[in-house]
Protein backbone atom coordinates (compact mmCIF):
# COMPACT_ATOMS: atom_id res chain seq x y z
CA UNK A 1 42.08 25.31 -15.50
CA UNK A 2 41.15 24.67 -19.17
CA UNK A 3 43.70 23.25 -21.56
CA UNK A 4 45.10 25.85 -23.92
CA UNK A 5 46.26 25.22 -27.47
CA UNK A 6 48.73 27.21 -29.55
CA UNK A 7 46.99 30.01 -31.42
CA UNK A 8 48.41 29.17 -34.86
CA UNK A 9 48.63 25.38 -34.68
CA UNK A 10 46.06 22.95 -36.07
CA UNK A 11 44.57 20.68 -33.42
CA UNK A 12 44.00 16.93 -33.51
CA UNK A 13 42.49 14.55 -30.99
CA UNK A 14 44.06 11.36 -29.66
CA UNK A 15 41.55 9.04 -27.99
CA UNK A 16 43.21 6.49 -25.76
CA UNK A 17 40.09 4.28 -25.70
CA UNK A 18 40.23 3.93 -29.51
CA UNK A 19 43.85 2.73 -29.73
CA UNK A 20 44.21 -0.54 -31.62
CA UNK A 21 46.77 -3.29 -31.39
CA UNK A 22 49.73 -1.03 -32.21
CA UNK A 23 50.52 0.77 -28.95
CA UNK A 24 53.57 2.66 -30.25
CA UNK A 25 51.83 6.02 -30.54
CA UNK A 26 50.07 5.53 -27.19
CA UNK A 27 53.43 4.97 -25.47
CA UNK A 28 54.81 8.13 -27.10
CA UNK A 29 51.77 10.13 -26.00
CA UNK A 30 51.98 8.74 -22.46
CA UNK A 31 55.66 9.72 -22.23
CA UNK A 32 54.80 13.24 -23.43
CA UNK A 33 52.03 13.55 -20.82
CA UNK A 34 54.44 12.34 -18.11
CA UNK A 35 56.88 15.10 -19.09
CA UNK A 36 54.11 17.69 -19.07
CA UNK A 37 52.96 16.61 -15.60
CA UNK A 38 56.52 16.71 -14.26
CA UNK A 39 56.86 20.34 -15.28
CA UNK A 40 59.58 22.27 -17.04
CA UNK A 41 63.16 21.60 -15.91
CA UNK A 42 65.26 24.62 -15.02
CA UNK A 43 68.67 25.91 -16.02
CA UNK A 44 71.19 27.92 -14.01
CA UNK A 45 74.36 29.85 -14.76
CA UNK A 46 77.17 29.03 -12.34
CA UNK A 47 78.72 31.97 -10.53
CA UNK A 48 80.99 29.83 -8.36
CA UNK A 49 81.62 26.12 -7.93
CA UNK A 50 81.77 25.39 -4.19
CA UNK A 51 82.11 21.59 -4.40
CA UNK A 52 81.11 18.73 -6.72
CA UNK A 53 77.44 19.18 -5.82
CA UNK A 54 77.25 22.72 -4.40
CA UNK A 55 77.14 25.83 -6.57
CA UNK A 56 76.28 29.50 -6.41
CA UNK A 57 73.98 30.03 -9.37
CA UNK A 58 71.80 32.54 -11.21
CA UNK A 59 68.49 31.19 -12.60
CA UNK A 60 68.10 31.39 -16.37
CA UNK A 61 65.00 33.19 -17.59
CA UNK A 62 63.26 33.10 -20.96
CA UNK A 63 63.43 36.25 -23.06
CA UNK A 64 61.60 37.08 -26.29
CA UNK A 65 62.77 39.74 -28.69
CA UNK A 66 60.78 40.97 -31.68
CA UNK A 67 62.88 42.14 -34.60
CA UNK A 68 61.42 43.92 -37.61
CA UNK A 69 62.75 43.24 -41.07
CA UNK A 70 62.17 45.25 -44.22
CA UNK A 71 63.91 42.74 -46.46
CA UNK A 72 61.82 40.92 -49.04
CA UNK A 73 60.92 37.29 -48.55
CA UNK A 74 59.55 34.54 -50.73
CA UNK A 75 55.93 35.23 -51.54
CA UNK A 76 55.80 38.58 -49.78
CA UNK A 77 57.55 41.50 -48.16
CA UNK A 78 59.30 41.84 -44.87
CA UNK A 79 57.86 41.27 -41.46
CA UNK A 80 58.64 40.84 -37.80
CA UNK A 81 60.35 37.85 -36.26
CA UNK A 82 60.42 36.70 -32.66
CA UNK A 83 63.65 35.34 -31.19
CA UNK A 84 63.37 33.31 -28.00
CA UNK A 85 66.45 32.78 -25.87
CA UNK A 86 67.57 32.48 -22.26
CA UNK A 87 69.75 34.72 -20.14
CA UNK A 88 70.78 34.66 -16.47
CA UNK A 89 68.77 36.68 -13.96
CA UNK A 90 71.67 38.24 -12.09
CA UNK A 91 69.36 39.97 -9.63
CA UNK A 92 68.76 36.61 -7.90
CA UNK A 93 71.46 34.31 -6.53
CA UNK A 94 70.92 30.83 -5.06
CA UNK A 95 72.95 28.12 -3.39
CA UNK A 96 72.16 25.03 -5.50
CA UNK A 97 72.69 21.48 -4.21
CA UNK A 98 72.61 18.87 -6.99
CA UNK A 99 72.04 15.13 -6.66
CA UNK A 100 75.16 14.25 -8.65
CA UNK A 101 78.33 16.13 -9.61
CA UNK A 102 78.36 18.51 -12.57
CA UNK A 103 81.49 19.40 -14.49
CA UNK A 104 80.55 23.08 -14.43
CA UNK A 105 82.52 26.14 -13.36
CA UNK A 106 81.87 29.89 -13.34
CA UNK A 107 80.04 31.12 -16.44
CA UNK A 108 78.88 27.65 -17.51
CA UNK A 109 75.35 26.27 -17.32
CA UNK A 110 73.68 23.54 -15.30
CA UNK A 111 70.46 22.60 -17.11
CA UNK A 112 67.63 20.09 -17.26
CA UNK A 113 67.10 19.73 -13.51
CA UNK A 114 64.17 20.17 -11.14
CA UNK A 115 64.86 22.09 -7.94
CA UNK A 116 62.85 23.30 -4.95
CA UNK A 117 63.43 25.95 -2.33
CA UNK A 118 64.10 24.33 1.05
CA UNK A 119 63.62 27.41 3.20
CA UNK A 120 67.23 27.16 4.36
CA UNK A 121 69.64 30.06 4.11
CA UNK A 122 73.29 29.39 3.28
CA UNK A 123 76.24 31.73 3.85
CA UNK A 124 79.27 32.14 1.63
CA UNK A 125 82.33 34.38 1.55
CA UNK A 126 82.85 36.72 -1.40
CA UNK A 127 86.20 37.34 -3.08
CA UNK A 128 86.49 40.50 -0.96
CA UNK A 129 85.94 38.56 2.28
CA UNK A 130 82.38 39.69 2.92
CA UNK A 131 79.77 37.27 4.28
CA UNK A 132 76.67 36.93 2.11
CA UNK A 133 73.49 34.89 2.65
CA UNK A 134 71.40 33.29 -0.10
CA UNK A 135 68.45 30.92 -0.27
CA UNK A 136 69.06 27.22 -0.88
CA UNK A 137 67.74 25.17 -3.79
CA UNK A 138 67.94 21.36 -3.80
CA UNK A 139 67.61 19.19 -6.88
CA UNK A 140 64.78 16.66 -6.76
CA UNK A 141 63.41 13.91 -8.95
CA UNK A 142 59.76 14.75 -9.70
CA UNK A 143 57.24 11.91 -9.26
CA UNK A 144 56.23 10.42 -12.61
CA UNK A 145 52.62 9.92 -13.62
CA UNK A 146 51.83 6.18 -13.52
CA UNK A 147 49.93 4.37 -16.25
CA UNK A 148 47.10 3.54 -13.84
CA UNK A 149 46.73 7.20 -12.82
CA UNK A 150 46.90 8.26 -16.47
CA UNK A 151 44.01 5.97 -17.42
CA UNK A 152 42.02 6.79 -14.28
CA UNK A 153 42.20 10.53 -14.86
CA UNK A 154 41.27 10.14 -18.53
CA UNK A 155 38.25 8.00 -17.61
CA UNK A 156 37.19 10.72 -15.16
CA UNK A 157 37.09 13.21 -18.04
CA UNK A 158 40.48 14.88 -17.72
CA UNK A 159 42.29 15.93 -20.90
CA UNK A 160 45.84 16.93 -21.74
CA UNK A 161 46.94 19.25 -24.52
CA UNK A 162 50.37 18.58 -25.98
CA UNK A 163 51.45 21.78 -27.71
CA UNK A 164 53.47 21.42 -30.94
CA UNK A 165 53.43 17.65 -30.48
CA UNK A 166 54.63 16.80 -33.99
CA UNK A 167 55.29 18.11 -37.50
CA UNK A 168 52.83 17.17 -40.25
CA UNK A 169 52.49 18.14 -43.93
CA UNK A 170 50.51 21.34 -44.34
CA UNK A 171 46.91 20.56 -45.33
CA UNK A 172 46.56 23.77 -47.34
CA UNK A 173 49.54 23.41 -49.67
CA UNK A 174 49.92 19.62 -49.26
CA UNK A 175 53.53 20.01 -48.21
CA UNK A 176 54.67 22.10 -51.20
CA UNK A 177 55.17 25.29 -49.22
CA UNK A 178 53.40 27.29 -51.91
CA UNK A 179 49.87 27.64 -53.24
CA UNK A 180 48.56 26.41 -56.58
CA UNK A 181 49.18 27.91 -60.01
CA UNK A 182 45.72 29.44 -59.89
CA UNK A 183 46.80 31.28 -56.76
CA UNK A 184 50.01 32.52 -58.33
CA UNK A 185 52.29 30.03 -56.59
CA UNK A 186 52.37 32.38 -53.61
CA UNK A 187 53.97 31.28 -50.37
CA UNK A 188 51.53 29.29 -48.26
CA UNK A 189 50.39 31.48 -45.36
CA UNK A 190 49.57 28.53 -43.11
CA UNK A 191 53.05 26.94 -43.07
CA UNK A 192 54.93 30.11 -44.15
CA UNK A 193 56.47 28.27 -47.05
CA UNK A 194 57.90 25.41 -44.99
CA UNK A 195 55.50 22.71 -46.17
CA UNK A 196 54.96 21.43 -42.63
CA UNK A 197 53.11 22.69 -39.56
CA UNK A 198 53.28 21.95 -35.85
CA UNK A 199 50.21 20.11 -34.61
CA UNK A 200 48.74 20.33 -31.11
CA UNK A 201 47.38 17.06 -29.75
CA UNK A 202 44.47 16.85 -27.32
CA UNK A 203 44.59 13.58 -25.37
CA UNK A 204 41.17 12.23 -24.34
CA UNK A 205 39.69 8.95 -23.18
């Protein structure tokens, strides 16, 4: 599958084979690639705490909402804005087993964990005394990409794209957030007046 970059972000390359004596940035890039390989940790809303490491939970899901605004803004009129947030998927209930205790009760969130379905079915009793069955999730520690594997895969031609890796001054307005006097000091369209932009980094050998 090809690496994808963010549609609006400028893209820069990071070549591991060209790194000099200062390895600070390489270590930061390697850590970011490790996190990308591990995957995205999940979050769950607790319905019921069964024990220190057993919980009935709803998975949290990402939601995007587009809101239109007619109010004026610096350098232009209104527009639409996208709000990203999470909310529990209450159509799906799991029995979650964590590696260590969480201080979480009903309505609170357990987040930042990796979990897999075991294929087991667990049974619990509802407040009304009914028996219900749900699928079991167990927290795991994902295997981390080693340095040797990182280098080996890069040498074989593999690449990683780190989306929104860092903030850098906007190259169009030079960090001012607005265009030149000749352009009427209008808000910079590239950074939307912020003076900085998120940069995607493509990691290559």
